[in-house]
Amino acid sequence: MTASTANPEAQGDGAFELPLFPLGSVLFPGGLLPLQIFETRYVDMVKRCMRDTSPFGVVLILDGHEARRDRGDRPPQIATVGTQARIVDFTELPNGLLGITARGERRFRVQGAEEQSDHLLLGRVTEIPDPPYVPVPADSEALVEILRQLLEHPAVNQLGIEADLEDARAVAGRLADLLPVDPRFKQGLLEQDDPLVCLAELERLVHAMQEQNGG
């Protein structure tokens, strides 16, 4: 069985097949994700995606491991909401591994997943519509300033991360990318359709971090 490109009409119910990459991290639409590829199943997946200019799906591991440690290892338990990712850059790393950078596109919901003979998870997924554009409210300008400072940091600036500082969804996503946040907290934000709720959650988080640091 081979994965189709991301076509919502691939099956009658709007579902389509997408190769899944379970990780211990969360990718948001518009975010960048650097990865080192070393397992054969993912090297082959990346080659197919690059050849066909097709996406793969990033999903958070809820229980289990990214890499197979034993033949008897079972597939990890994964979140039911993930993000389509498309490869935008690749290189051979100094350690000899393949390095790629993927950009998050649209969210999807996993309806089911099947492990193939090469142990790659093939998901049956449906796209989650993008929420409507919502401008950043005036009372969230402090978050915008934090994001602006993070983007200007040399280590972040060289990554070429882009963010519309007037778009509530983009601000929430990039802050969640850059702040030291627990992956399950990020997953909750990814699953949230209202960008203003995401901003409110991030405001509470930032406030708690500032209190902890005596700020």
C-alpha atoms as a PDB file:
ATOM      1  CA  MET A   1       0.000   0.000   0.000  1.00  0.00           C
ATOM      2  CA  THR A   2       1.360   3.419  -0.908  1.00  0.00           C
ATOM      3  CA  ALA A   3       0.366   6.802   0.451  1.00  0.00           C
ATOM      4  CA  SER A   4      -1.582   9.157  -1.755  1.00  0.00           C
ATOM      5  CA  THR A   5      -0.932  12.859  -1.900  1.00  0.00           C
ATOM      6  CA  ALA A   6      -3.016  14.983   0.446  1.00  0.00           C
ATOM      7  CA  ASN A   7      -6.275  15.025  -1.455  1.00  0.00           C
ATOM      8  CA  PRO A   8      -9.437  15.433   0.633  1.00  0.00           C
ATOM      9  CA  GLU A   9     -11.400  13.761  -2.164  1.00  0.00           C
ATOM     10  CA  ALA A  10      -9.220  10.660  -2.192  1.00  0.00           C
ATOM     11  CA  GLN A  11     -11.998   8.728  -0.446  1.00  0.00           C
ATOM     12  CA  GLY A  12     -15.727   9.259  -0.505  1.00  0.00           C
ATOM     13  CA  ASP A  13     -15.927  10.431   3.087  1.00  0.00           C
ATOM     14  CA  GLY A  14     -13.305  13.140   2.561  1.00  0.00           C
ATOM     15  CA  ALA A  15     -10.552  11.054   4.159  1.00  0.00           C
ATOM     16  CA  PHE A  16      -7.172  10.479   2.552  1.00  0.00           C
ATOM     17  CA  GLU A  17      -4.035   8.498   3.304  1.00  0.00           C
ATOM     18  CA  LEU A  18      -1.030  10.211   4.840  1.00  0.00           C
ATOM     19  CA  PRO A  19       2.239   8.693   6.085  1.00  0.00           C
ATOM     20  CA  LEU A  20       2.607   9.561   9.766  1.00  0.00           C
ATOM     21  CA  PHE A  21       5.753  10.589  11.643  1.00  0.00           C
ATOM     22  CA  PRO A  22       5.099  10.189  15.395  1.00  0.00           C
ATOM     23  CA  LEU A  23       7.315  12.519  17.443  1.00  0.00           C
ATOM     24  CA  GLY A  24       7.743  13.771  20.973  1.00  0.00           C
ATOM     25  CA  SER A  25       7.042  17.297  19.742  1.00  0.00           C
ATOM     26  CA  VAL A  26       4.143  19.223  18.191  1.00  0.00           C
ATOM     27  CA  LEU A  27       4.155  21.054  14.869  1.00  0.00           C
ATOM     28  CA  PHE A  28       1.779  23.971  14.292  1.00  0.00           C
ATOM     29  CA  PRO A  29       0.556  25.276  10.933  1.00  0.00           C
ATOM     30  CA  GLY A  30       3.155  27.725   9.658  1.00  0.00           C
ATOM     31  CA  GLY A  31       5.855  26.419  11.984  1.00  0.00           C
ATOM     32  CA  LEU A  32       9.235  24.968  11.019  1.00  0.00           C
ATOM     33  CA  LEU A  33      10.442  21.581  12.205  1.00  0.00           C
ATOM     34  CA  PRO A  34      14.072  20.460  11.753  1.00  0.00           C
ATOM     35  CA  LEU A  35      14.530  16.682  11.826  1.00  0.00           C
ATOM     36  CA  GLN A  36      17.397  14.207  11.638  1.00  0.00           C
ATOM     37  CA  ILE A  37      16.304  11.149   9.649  1.00  0.00           C
ATOM     38  CA  PHE A  38      18.030   7.845  10.367  1.00  0.00           C
ATOM     39  CA  GLU A  39      15.465   5.023  10.462  1.00  0.00           C
ATOM     40  CA  THR A  40      15.026   3.275   7.115  1.00  0.00           C
ATOM     41  CA  ARG A  41      11.239   3.669   7.145  1.00  0.00           C
ATOM     42  CA  TYR A  42      11.544   7.451   7.460  1.00  0.00           C
ATOM     43  CA  VAL A  43      14.430   7.760   5.000  1.00  0.00           C
ATOM     44  CA  ASP A  44      12.243   5.984   2.449  1.00  0.00           C
ATOM     45  CA  MET A  45       9.235   8.142   3.390  1.00  0.00           C
ATOM     46  CA  VAL A  46      11.233  11.352   3.001  1.00  0.00           C
ATOM     47  CA  LYS A  47      12.542  10.220  -0.393  1.00  0.00           C
ATOM     48  CA  ARG A  48       8.981   9.549  -1.577  1.00  0.00           C
ATOM     49  CA  CYS A  49       7.751  12.881  -0.251  1.00  0.00           C
ATOM     50  CA  MET A  50      10.588  14.732  -1.961  1.00  0.00           C
ATOM     51  CA  ARG A  51      10.090  12.858  -5.225  1.00  0.00           C
ATOM     52  CA  ASP A  52       6.330  13.430  -5.268  1.00  0.00           C
ATOM     53  CA  THR A  53       6.389  16.821  -3.485  1.00  0.00           C
ATOM     54  CA  SER A  54       3.829  15.300  -1.137  1.00  0.00           C
ATOM     55  CA  PRO A  55       3.319  15.915   2.600  1.00  0.00           C
ATOM     56  CA  PHE A  56       3.568  13.668   5.616  1.00  0.00           C
ATOM     57  CA  GLY A  57       1.835  13.991   8.955  1.00  0.00           C
ATOM     58  CA  VAL A  58       3.408  14.941  12.278  1.00  0.00           C
ATOM     59  CA  VAL A  59       1.601  13.524  15.311  1.00  0.00           C
ATOM     60  CA  LEU A  60       2.497  13.671  18.998  1.00  0.00           C
ATOM     61  CA  ILE A  61       3.427  10.440  20.771  1.00  0.00           C
ATOM     62  CA  LEU A  62       1.259  10.032  23.860  1.00  0.00           C
ATOM     63  CA  ASP A  63       2.833   6.737  24.911  1.00  0.00           C
ATOM     64  CA  GLY A  64       5.756   4.836  23.460  1.00  0.00           C
ATOM     65  CA  HIS A  65       8.936   5.799  21.623  1.00  0.00           C
ATOM     66  CA  GLU A  66       9.945   7.532  18.409  1.00  0.00           C
ATOM     67  CA  ALA A  67      12.431   4.836  17.392  1.00  0.00           C
ATOM     68  CA  ARG A  68      11.929   1.102  17.449  1.00  0.00           C
ATOM     69  CA  ARG A  69      14.223  -0.387  20.069  1.00  0.00           C
ATOM     70  CA  ASP A  70      13.203  -4.004  19.580  1.00  0.00           C
ATOM     71  CA  ARG A  71      11.474  -6.029  16.910  1.00  0.00           C
ATOM     72  CA  GLY A  72       8.684  -6.642  19.362  1.00  0.00           C
ATOM     73  CA  ASP A  73       8.059  -2.935  19.968  1.00  0.00           C
ATOM     74  CA  ARG A  74       4.496  -1.938  19.276  1.00  0.00           C
ATOM     75  CA  PRO A  75       3.572   1.263  17.430  1.00  0.00           C
ATOM     76  CA  PRO A  76       3.332   4.250  19.791  1.00  0.00           C
ATOM     77  CA  GLN A  77       0.009   5.628  20.938  1.00  0.00           C
ATOM     78  CA  ILE A  78      -0.505   8.871  19.044  1.00  0.00           C
ATOM     79  CA  ALA A  79      -2.685  11.960  19.341  1.00  0.00           C
ATOM     80  CA  THR A  80      -5.704  12.105  17.063  1.00  0.00           C
ATOM     81  CA  VAL A  81      -4.924  15.627  15.792  1.00  0.00           C
ATOM     82  CA  GLY A  82      -1.729  16.375  13.884  1.00  0.00           C
ATOM     83  CA  THR A  83      -0.327  18.700  11.235  1.00  0.00           C
ATOM     84  CA  GLN A  84       0.551  18.079   7.619  1.00  0.00           C
ATOM     85  CA  ALA A  85       4.212  18.857   6.986  1.00  0.00           C
ATOM     86  CA  ARG A  86       5.966  19.556   3.715  1.00  0.00           C
ATOM     87  CA  ILE A  87       9.735  19.384   3.263  1.00  0.00           C
ATOM     88  CA  VAL A  88      11.181  22.813   2.433  1.00  0.00           C
ATOM     89  CA  ASP A  89      14.901  22.090   2.857  1.00  0.00           C
ATOM     90  CA  PHE A  90      17.269  19.152   3.222  1.00  0.00           C
ATOM     91  CA  THR A  91      20.974  18.568   3.729  1.00  0.00           C
ATOM     92  CA  GLU A  92      23.491  15.928   4.735  1.00  0.00           C
ATOM     93  CA  LEU A  93      24.495  16.617   8.331  1.00  0.00           C
ATOM     94  CA  PRO A  94      28.094  16.412   9.652  1.00  0.00           C
ATOM     95  CA  ASN A  95      27.177  13.133  11.370  1.00  0.00           C
ATOM     96  CA  GLY A  96      26.217  11.649   7.991  1.00  0.00           C
ATOM     97  CA  LEU A  97      22.465  11.650   8.665  1.00  0.00           C
ATOM     98  CA  LEU A  98      19.866  13.240   6.440  1.00  0.00           C
ATOM     99  CA  GLY A  99      18.615  16.538   7.824  1.00  0.00           C
ATOM    100  CA  ILE A 100      15.334  18.035   6.683  1.00  0.00           C
ATOM    101  CA  THR A 101      13.271  21.080   7.547  1.00  0.00           C
ATOM    102  CA  ALA A 102       9.507  20.719   7.243  1.00  0.00           C
ATOM    103  CA  ARG A 103       6.896  23.456   7.346  1.00  0.00           C
ATOM    104  CA  GLY A 104       3.526  22.877   8.973  1.00  0.00           C
ATOM    105  CA  GLU A 105       0.470  23.243   6.785  1.00  0.00           C
ATOM    106  CA  ARG A 106      -3.095  22.280   7.724  1.00  0.00           C
ATOM    107  CA  ARG A 107      -4.257  20.306  10.724  1.00  0.00           C
ATOM    108  CA  PHE A 108      -5.806  16.879  10.313  1.00  0.00           C
ATOM    109  CA  ARG A 109      -7.719  14.370  12.400  1.00  0.00           C
ATOM    110  CA  VAL A 110      -6.608  10.741  12.473  1.00  0.00           C
ATOM    111  CA  GLN A 111      -9.517   8.415  11.778  1.00  0.00           C
ATOM    112  CA  GLY A 112      -7.331   5.315  11.888  1.00  0.00           C
ATOM    113  CA  ALA A 113      -3.759   4.173  11.312  1.00  0.00           C
ATOM    114  CA  GLU A 114      -2.208   0.961  10.019  1.00  0.00           C
ATOM    115  CA  GLU A 115       1.381  -0.159  10.411  1.00  0.00           C
ATOM    116  CA  GLN A 116       2.882  -1.268   7.104  1.00  0.00           C
ATOM    117  CA  SER A 117       5.434  -4.045   6.596  1.00  0.00           C
ATOM    118  CA  ASP A 118       8.295  -1.522   6.910  1.00  0.00           C
ATOM    119  CA  HIS A 119       6.738  -0.320  10.229  1.00  0.00           C
ATOM    120  CA  LEU A 120       5.727   3.046   8.776  1.00  0.00           C
ATOM    121  CA  LEU A 121       2.361   4.208  10.093  1.00  0.00           C
ATOM    122  CA  LEU A 122      -0.100   5.053   7.333  1.00  0.00           C
ATOM    123  CA  GLY A 123      -2.932   7.213   8.603  1.00  0.00           C
ATOM    124  CA  ARG A 124      -6.437   7.619   7.299  1.00  0.00           C
ATOM    125  CA  VAL A 125      -7.069  11.278   8.027  1.00  0.00           C
ATOM    126  CA  THR A 126      -9.446  14.153   7.358  1.00  0.00           C
ATOM    127  CA  GLU A 127      -8.449  17.799   7.139  1.00  0.00           C
ATOM    128  CA  ILE A 128      -9.552  20.190   9.868  1.00  0.00           C
ATOM    129  CA  PRO A 129     -10.692  23.496   8.320  1.00  0.00           C
ATOM    130  CA  ASP A 130      -8.581  26.524   9.184  1.00  0.00           C
ATOM    131  CA  PRO A 131     -10.236  28.820  11.723  1.00  0.00           C
ATOM    132  CA  PRO A 132     -11.221  32.260  10.426  1.00  0.00           C
ATOM    133  CA  TYR A 133      -8.722  35.092  10.688  1.00  0.00           C
ATOM    134  CA  VAL A 134      -8.834  36.817  14.076  1.00  0.00           C
ATOM    135  CA  PRO A 135      -6.689  39.898  14.803  1.00  0.00           C
ATOM    136  CA  VAL A 136      -4.625  39.990  17.980  1.00  0.00           C
ATOM    137  CA  PRO A 137      -6.645  41.891  20.599  1.00  0.00           C
ATOM    138  CA  ALA A 138      -5.118  44.958  22.228  1.00  0.00           C
ATOM    139  CA  ASP A 139      -4.887  43.261  25.612  1.00  0.00           C
ATOM    140  CA  SER A 140      -2.562  40.599  24.127  1.00  0.00           C
ATOM    141  CA  GLU A 141       0.080  43.054  22.918  1.00  0.00           C
ATOM    142  CA  ALA A 142       2.428  41.853  25.668  1.00  0.00           C
ATOM    143  CA  LEU A 143       2.473  38.430  23.993  1.00  0.00           C
ATOM    144  CA  VAL A 144       3.230  40.036  20.646  1.00  0.00           C
ATOM    145  CA  GLU A 145       6.181  41.855  22.202  1.00  0.00           C
ATOM    146  CA  ILE A 146       7.493  38.609  23.705  1.00  0.00           C
ATOM    147  CA  LEU A 147       7.244  36.936  20.305  1.00  0.00           C
ATOM    148  CA  ARG A 148       8.968  39.873  18.617  1.00  0.00           C
ATOM    149  CA  GLN A 149      11.870  39.620  21.066  1.00  0.00           C
ATOM    150  CA  LEU A 150      12.120  35.862  20.548  1.00  0.00           C
ATOM    151  CA  LEU A 151      12.182  36.258  16.766  1.00  0.00           C
ATOM    152  CA  GLU A 152      14.956  38.846  17.036  1.00  0.00           C
ATOM    153  CA  HIS A 153      17.156  36.523  19.104  1.00  0.00           C
ATOM    154  CA  PRO A 154      20.152  35.524  16.911  1.00  0.00           C
ATOM    155  CA  ALA A 155      19.617  31.787  17.411  1.00  0.00           C
ATOM    156  CA  VAL A 156      15.997  32.113  16.303  1.00  0.00           C
ATOM    157  CA  ASN A 157      16.522  34.767  13.652  1.00  0.00           C
ATOM    158  CA  GLN A 158      18.815  32.516  11.630  1.00  0.00           C
ATOM    159  CA  LEU A 159      16.050  29.926  11.318  1.00  0.00           C
ATOM    160  CA  GLY A 160      14.022  32.247   9.107  1.00  0.00           C
ATOM    161  CA  ILE A 161      10.803  31.830  11.069  1.00  0.00           C
ATOM    162  CA  GLU A 162       7.984  33.992   9.740  1.00  0.00           C
ATOM    163  CA  ALA A 163       5.043  35.282  11.777  1.00  0.00           C
ATOM    164  CA  ASP A 164       2.197  37.678  11.096  1.00  0.00           C
ATOM    165  CA  LEU A 165       2.188  39.644  14.346  1.00  0.00           C
ATOM    166  CA  GLU A 166      -1.376  40.821  13.730  1.00  0.00           C
ATOM    167  CA  ASP A 167      -2.834  37.315  13.287  1.00  0.00           C
ATOM    168  CA  ALA A 168      -3.902  35.722  16.598  1.00  0.00           C
ATOM    169  CA  ARG A 169      -3.479  32.183  15.242  1.00  0.00           C
ATOM    170  CA  ALA A 170       0.014  32.872  13.920  1.00  0.00           C
ATOM    171  CA  VAL A 171       1.133  34.581  17.144  1.00  0.00           C
ATOM    172  CA  ALA A 172      -0.173  31.722  19.273  1.00  0.00           C
ATOM    173  CA  GLY A 173       1.464  29.126  17.045  1.00  0.00           C
ATOM    174  CA  ARG A 174       4.877  30.764  16.928  1.00  0.00           C
ATOM    175  CA  LEU A 175       4.883  31.408  20.690  1.00  0.00           C
ATOM    176  CA  ALA A 176       4.009  27.771  21.313  1.00  0.00           C
ATOM    177  CA  ASP A 177       6.861  26.799  18.964  1.00  0.00           C
ATOM    178  CA  LEU A 178       9.446  28.931  20.741  1.00  0.00           C
ATOM    179  CA  LEU A 179       8.508  28.851  24.429  1.00  0.00           C
ATOM    180  CA  PRO A 180       9.720  25.955  26.628  1.00  0.00           C
ATOM    181  CA  VAL A 181       6.290  24.369  26.789  1.00  0.00           C
ATOM    182  CA  ASP A 182       5.286  20.808  27.644  1.00  0.00           C
ATOM    183  CA  PRO A 183       4.293  18.934  24.449  1.00  0.00           C
ATOM    184  CA  ARG A 184       0.882  17.979  25.865  1.00  0.00           C
ATOM    185  CA  PHE A 185       0.157  21.646  26.536  1.00  0.00           C
ATOM    186  CA  LYS A 186       1.100  22.369  22.935  1.00  0.00           C
ATOM    187  CA  GLN A 187      -1.145  19.562  21.770  1.00  0.00           C
ATOM    188  CA  GLY A 188      -4.058  21.156  23.594  1.00  0.00           C
ATOM    189  CA  LEU A 189      -3.378  24.403  21.746  1.00  0.00           C
ATOM    190  CA  LEU A 190      -3.154  22.578  18.418  1.00  0.00           C
ATOM    191  CA  GLU A 191      -6.556  20.992  18.989  1.00  0.00           C
ATOM    192  CA  GLN A 192      -8.152  24.328  19.939  1.00  0.00           C
ATOM    193  CA  ASP A 193     -10.095  26.016  17.137  1.00  0.00           C
ATOM    194  CA  ASP A 194     -10.347  29.467  18.764  1.00  0.00           C
ATOM    195  CA  PRO A 195      -7.066  31.436  18.498  1.00  0.00           C
ATOM    196  CA  LEU A 196      -8.172  33.766  21.291  1.00  0.00           C
ATOM    197  CA  VAL A 197      -8.468  30.814  23.680  1.00  0.00           C
ATOM    198  CA  CYS A 198      -4.915  29.830  22.698  1.00  0.00           C
ATOM    199  CA  LEU A 199      -3.668  33.353  23.450  1.00  0.00           C
ATOM    200  CA  ALA A 200      -5.408  33.306  26.826  1.00  0.00           C
ATOM    201  CA  GLU A 201      -3.790  29.974  27.693  1.00  0.00           C
ATOM    202  CA  LEU A 202      -0.379  31.304  26.664  1.00  0.00           C
ATOM    203  CA  GLU A 203      -0.898  34.450  28.729  1.00  0.00           C
ATOM    204  CA  ARG A 204      -1.544  32.304  31.798  1.00  0.00           C
ATOM    205  CA  LEU A 205       1.527  30.235  31.021  1.00  0.00           C
ATOM    206  CA  VAL A 206       3.787  33.263  30.555  1.00  0.00           C
ATOM    207  CA  HIS A 207       2.451  34.814  33.771  1.00  0.00           C
ATOM    208  CA  ALA A 208       3.198  31.580  35.676  1.00  0.00           C
ATOM    209  CA  MET A 209       6.704  31.457  34.217  1.00  0.00           C
ATOM    210  CA  GLN A 210       7.363  35.067  35.189  1.00  0.00           C
ATOM    211  CA  GLU A 211       6.155  34.431  38.743  1.00  0.00           C
ATOM    212  CA  GLN A 212       8.341  31.349  38.990  1.00  0.00           C
ATOM    213  CA  ASN A 213      11.352  33.358  37.853  1.00  0.00           C
ATOM    214  CA  GLY A 214      10.533  36.194  40.231  1.00  0.00           C
ATOM    215  CA  GLY A 215       9.597  38.544  37.431  1.00  0.00           C
END
